[in-house]
Amino acid sequence: MAFAPGAGLWRRFLALAFGAALGAGSGGPLRQGAFAGFGKEGAVVYEEITLRNAGDVMGMRRGIICDEGQIRQAHVTARADAKAGTLVIGEALRRQLGLEVMLGVSCEEQPIVLVNEELQSCLFTEPVEIHCLGRTIVAQAALVPDLDEVILGSIPLDGMSLAVDGEAGRLVGSRKSRPPLERR
């Protein structure tokens, strides 16, 4: 498998983006507790999130789906991991949400690099609506078929202005909110 110019940087990005997700707790290249947000080394933060099929949500907005109860969704406990790049789910959750795997010329299996420099292929799903702590973002999920947990990575966390606080063991707002403007 060939890499484009600048592959060293690309490989490092992929290792940071997906290495923790694919190796943690599964006997893979990362040891348990080897990931942290900021603060205490090895801190693991879990948060209750809701995942919704973004296609179903759009169908509801367009009148194709008439009842909100028809939107496929799951309430799960996700591990917030700033070293994972995106939302990472397993096959069982993909099926529960009714998400198709993205296939085609630009959506074929993409190589990801584990922390130990091992290559692994990964597919991505249709968009997922992610709800966490009153915030929402839409993102594709990386599919790791035998994964039995949900990993909420840095891209959706950043998009919702959330960060992992390892010291406090929770997610926190990553940007200070401005006070509302006074109306005159």
Protein backbone atom coordinates (compact mmCIF):
# COMPACT_ATOMS: atom_id res chain seq x y z
CA MET A 1 0.00 0.00 0.00
CA ALA A 2 1.53 3.30 -1.07
CA PHE A 3 1.35 6.56 0.81
CA ALA A 4 1.40 10.04 -0.67
CA PRO A 5 4.27 12.51 -0.11
CA GLY A 6 4.42 13.55 3.51
CA ALA A 7 3.38 10.06 4.57
CA GLY A 8 5.39 10.30 7.79
CA LEU A 9 3.21 13.15 9.02
CA TRP A 10 0.09 11.37 7.77
CA ARG A 11 1.08 8.16 9.57
CA ARG A 12 1.65 10.07 12.82
CA PHE A 13 -1.75 11.76 12.47
CA LEU A 14 -3.47 8.43 11.89
CA ALA A 15 -1.63 6.87 14.83
CA LEU A 16 -2.85 9.65 17.08
CA ALA A 17 -6.31 9.65 15.55
CA PHE A 18 -7.05 5.95 15.71
CA GLY A 19 -4.26 4.14 17.51
CA ALA A 20 -5.83 4.36 20.94
CA ALA A 21 -9.22 3.31 19.63
CA LEU A 22 -7.95 0.14 18.03
CA GLY A 23 -5.50 -1.03 20.62
CA ALA A 24 -6.90 -0.10 23.99
CA GLY A 25 -8.21 -2.86 26.19
CA SER A 26 -8.20 -5.45 23.41
CA GLY A 27 -4.75 -6.88 23.82
CA GLY A 28 -3.64 -4.55 21.03
CA PRO A 29 -0.55 -2.38 20.88
CA LEU A 30 -1.63 0.02 23.62
CA ARG A 31 -1.59 -0.95 27.24
CA GLN A 32 -4.72 -0.31 29.30
CA GLY A 33 -4.83 3.23 30.63
CA ALA A 34 -2.31 4.55 28.09
CA PHE A 35 -4.59 7.35 26.97
CA ALA A 36 -5.46 10.58 28.72
CA GLY A 37 -6.98 13.93 27.97
CA PHE A 38 -5.13 16.46 30.02
CA GLY A 39 -4.34 16.21 33.67
CA LYS A 40 -3.84 12.89 35.42
CA GLU A 41 -1.85 10.31 33.38
CA GLY A 42 -4.01 7.37 32.35
CA ALA A 43 -7.34 9.00 33.24
CA VAL A 44 -10.34 7.47 31.49
CA VAL A 45 -13.51 9.53 31.21
CA TYR A 46 -16.92 8.06 30.40
CA GLU A 47 -19.98 10.07 29.41
CA GLU A 48 -23.58 9.23 28.56
CA ILE A 49 -24.32 10.18 24.95
CA THR A 50 -27.12 9.69 22.46
CA LEU A 51 -26.36 8.62 18.90
CA ARG A 52 -29.01 9.11 16.20
CA ASN A 53 -29.05 8.08 12.57
CA ALA A 54 -28.52 11.45 10.83
CA GLY A 55 -30.31 10.20 7.69
CA ASP A 56 -33.40 9.46 9.77
CA VAL A 57 -33.20 12.93 11.35
CA MET A 58 -33.05 14.52 7.89
CA GLY A 59 -35.99 12.34 6.80
CA MET A 60 -37.97 13.70 9.74
CA ARG A 61 -37.12 17.29 8.80
CA ARG A 62 -38.18 16.65 5.20
CA GLY A 63 -41.44 14.94 6.15
CA ILE A 64 -40.40 11.48 4.95
CA ILE A 65 -40.47 10.15 8.52
CA CYS A 66 -43.58 11.31 10.35
CA ASP A 67 -42.93 10.06 13.88
CA GLU A 68 -39.84 10.92 15.91
CA GLY A 69 -40.06 7.42 17.38
CA GLN A 70 -38.98 6.08 13.97
CA ILE A 71 -35.56 7.73 14.26
CA ARG A 72 -33.07 5.00 15.08
CA GLN A 73 -31.04 5.96 18.11
CA ALA A 74 -29.02 4.55 20.98
CA HIS A 75 -28.21 5.85 24.44
CA VAL A 76 -24.72 4.64 25.28
CA THR A 77 -21.85 5.23 27.64
CA ALA A 78 -18.90 6.42 25.58
CA ARG A 79 -15.26 6.63 26.52
CA ALA A 80 -14.09 10.16 25.78
CA ASP A 81 -10.59 9.76 24.37
CA ALA A 82 -8.79 12.82 23.03
CA LYS A 83 -6.25 10.56 21.29
CA ALA A 84 -8.93 8.97 19.10
CA GLY A 85 -9.72 11.13 16.10
CA THR A 86 -13.43 10.61 15.65
CA LEU A 87 -16.40 8.60 16.85
CA VAL A 88 -15.50 4.89 16.82
CA ILE A 89 -18.24 2.25 17.00
CA GLY A 90 -18.59 -1.51 16.61
CA GLU A 91 -20.67 -3.55 14.19
CA ALA A 92 -23.52 -4.23 16.64
CA LEU A 93 -24.13 -0.52 17.21
CA ARG A 94 -23.84 0.21 13.48
CA ARG A 95 -26.64 -2.28 12.84
CA GLN A 96 -28.77 -0.94 15.71
CA LEU A 97 -28.55 2.58 14.26
CA GLY A 98 -29.20 1.32 10.73
CA LEU A 99 -26.05 2.95 9.37
CA GLU A 100 -24.68 1.86 6.02
CA VAL A 101 -20.96 1.46 5.49
CA MET A 102 -19.66 4.09 3.10
CA LEU A 103 -18.42 2.32 -0.03
CA GLY A 104 -17.42 3.61 -3.42
CA VAL A 105 -14.50 5.20 -5.17
CA SER A 106 -13.66 7.68 -2.43
CA CYS A 107 -15.11 5.70 0.45
CA GLU A 108 -13.26 2.40 0.37
CA GLU A 109 -11.35 0.93 3.28
CA GLN A 110 -8.81 3.41 4.53
CA PRO A 111 -5.53 2.38 6.12
CA ILE A 112 -5.03 3.51 9.66
CA VAL A 113 -1.79 3.20 11.54
CA LEU A 114 -1.70 1.81 15.05
CA VAL A 115 0.72 3.20 17.58
CA ASN A 116 3.05 0.25 16.97
CA GLU A 117 3.20 1.22 13.24
CA GLU A 118 0.96 -1.71 12.24
CA LEU A 119 -1.47 -0.96 9.40
CA GLN A 120 -5.12 -1.88 9.70
CA SER A 121 -7.99 -1.16 7.32
CA CYS A 122 -11.03 0.70 8.59
CA LEU A 123 -14.40 1.56 7.06
CA PHE A 124 -16.56 4.57 7.86
CA THR A 125 -20.32 4.80 8.29
CA GLU A 126 -22.98 7.21 7.14
CA PRO A 127 -23.26 10.31 9.36
CA VAL A 128 -24.31 10.01 12.99
CA GLU A 129 -25.85 12.76 15.09
CA ILE A 130 -24.02 12.86 18.45
CA HIS A 131 -25.68 14.42 21.50
CA CYS A 132 -23.55 15.03 24.59
CA LEU A 133 -24.08 17.40 27.52
CA GLY A 134 -26.67 19.46 25.68
CA ARG A 135 -24.47 19.83 22.58
CA THR A 136 -24.83 18.23 19.15
CA ILE A 137 -22.60 17.47 16.17
CA VAL A 138 -22.90 15.29 13.07
CA ALA A 139 -19.94 13.10 12.09
CA GLN A 140 -19.08 9.85 10.37
CA ALA A 141 -18.07 6.98 12.61
CA ALA A 142 -15.03 4.79 12.13
CA LEU A 143 -16.14 1.17 12.18
CA VAL A 144 -14.13 -1.36 14.14
CA PRO A 145 -16.30 -4.49 13.85
CA ASP A 146 -15.37 -6.27 17.09
CA LEU A 147 -15.28 -3.15 19.28
CA ASP A 148 -17.60 -3.50 22.27
CA GLU A 149 -17.45 0.09 23.45
CA VAL A 150 -18.06 3.52 21.93
CA ILE A 151 -15.16 5.94 21.71
CA LEU A 152 -15.80 9.66 21.40
CA GLY A 153 -12.69 11.18 19.81
CA SER A 154 -11.20 14.63 19.49
CA ILE A 155 -13.00 15.78 16.31
CA PRO A 156 -16.55 15.48 17.70
CA LEU A 157 -15.36 16.67 21.12
CA ASP A 158 -13.80 19.78 19.58
CA GLY A 159 -16.89 20.35 17.45
CA MET A 160 -19.03 20.38 20.60
CA SER A 161 -16.46 22.57 22.43
CA LEU A 162 -15.77 19.80 24.94
CA ALA A 163 -12.47 18.57 26.36
CA VAL A 164 -11.43 15.64 28.53
CA ASP A 165 -10.41 16.77 32.01
CA GLY A 166 -8.46 13.84 33.43
CA GLU A 167 -7.97 15.56 36.80
CA ALA A 168 -11.71 15.95 37.36
CA GLY A 169 -12.59 12.73 35.52
CA ARG A 170 -15.21 14.39 33.32
CA LEU A 171 -15.83 16.36 30.15
CA VAL A 172 -15.66 20.13 30.42
CA GLY A 173 -16.40 23.04 28.10
CA SER A 174 -13.21 23.79 26.20
CA ARG A 175 -14.04 27.42 25.48
CA LYS A 176 -15.30 29.96 27.92
CA SER A 177 -18.74 31.10 26.92
CA ARG A 178 -19.21 34.80 26.57
CA PRO A 179 -21.85 36.50 28.65
CA PRO A 180 -24.91 37.48 26.63
CA LEU A 181 -24.85 40.93 25.10
CA GLU A 182 -26.91 43.49 26.90
CA ARG A 183 -29.75 44.93 24.85
CA ARG A 184 -30.25 48.65 24.98
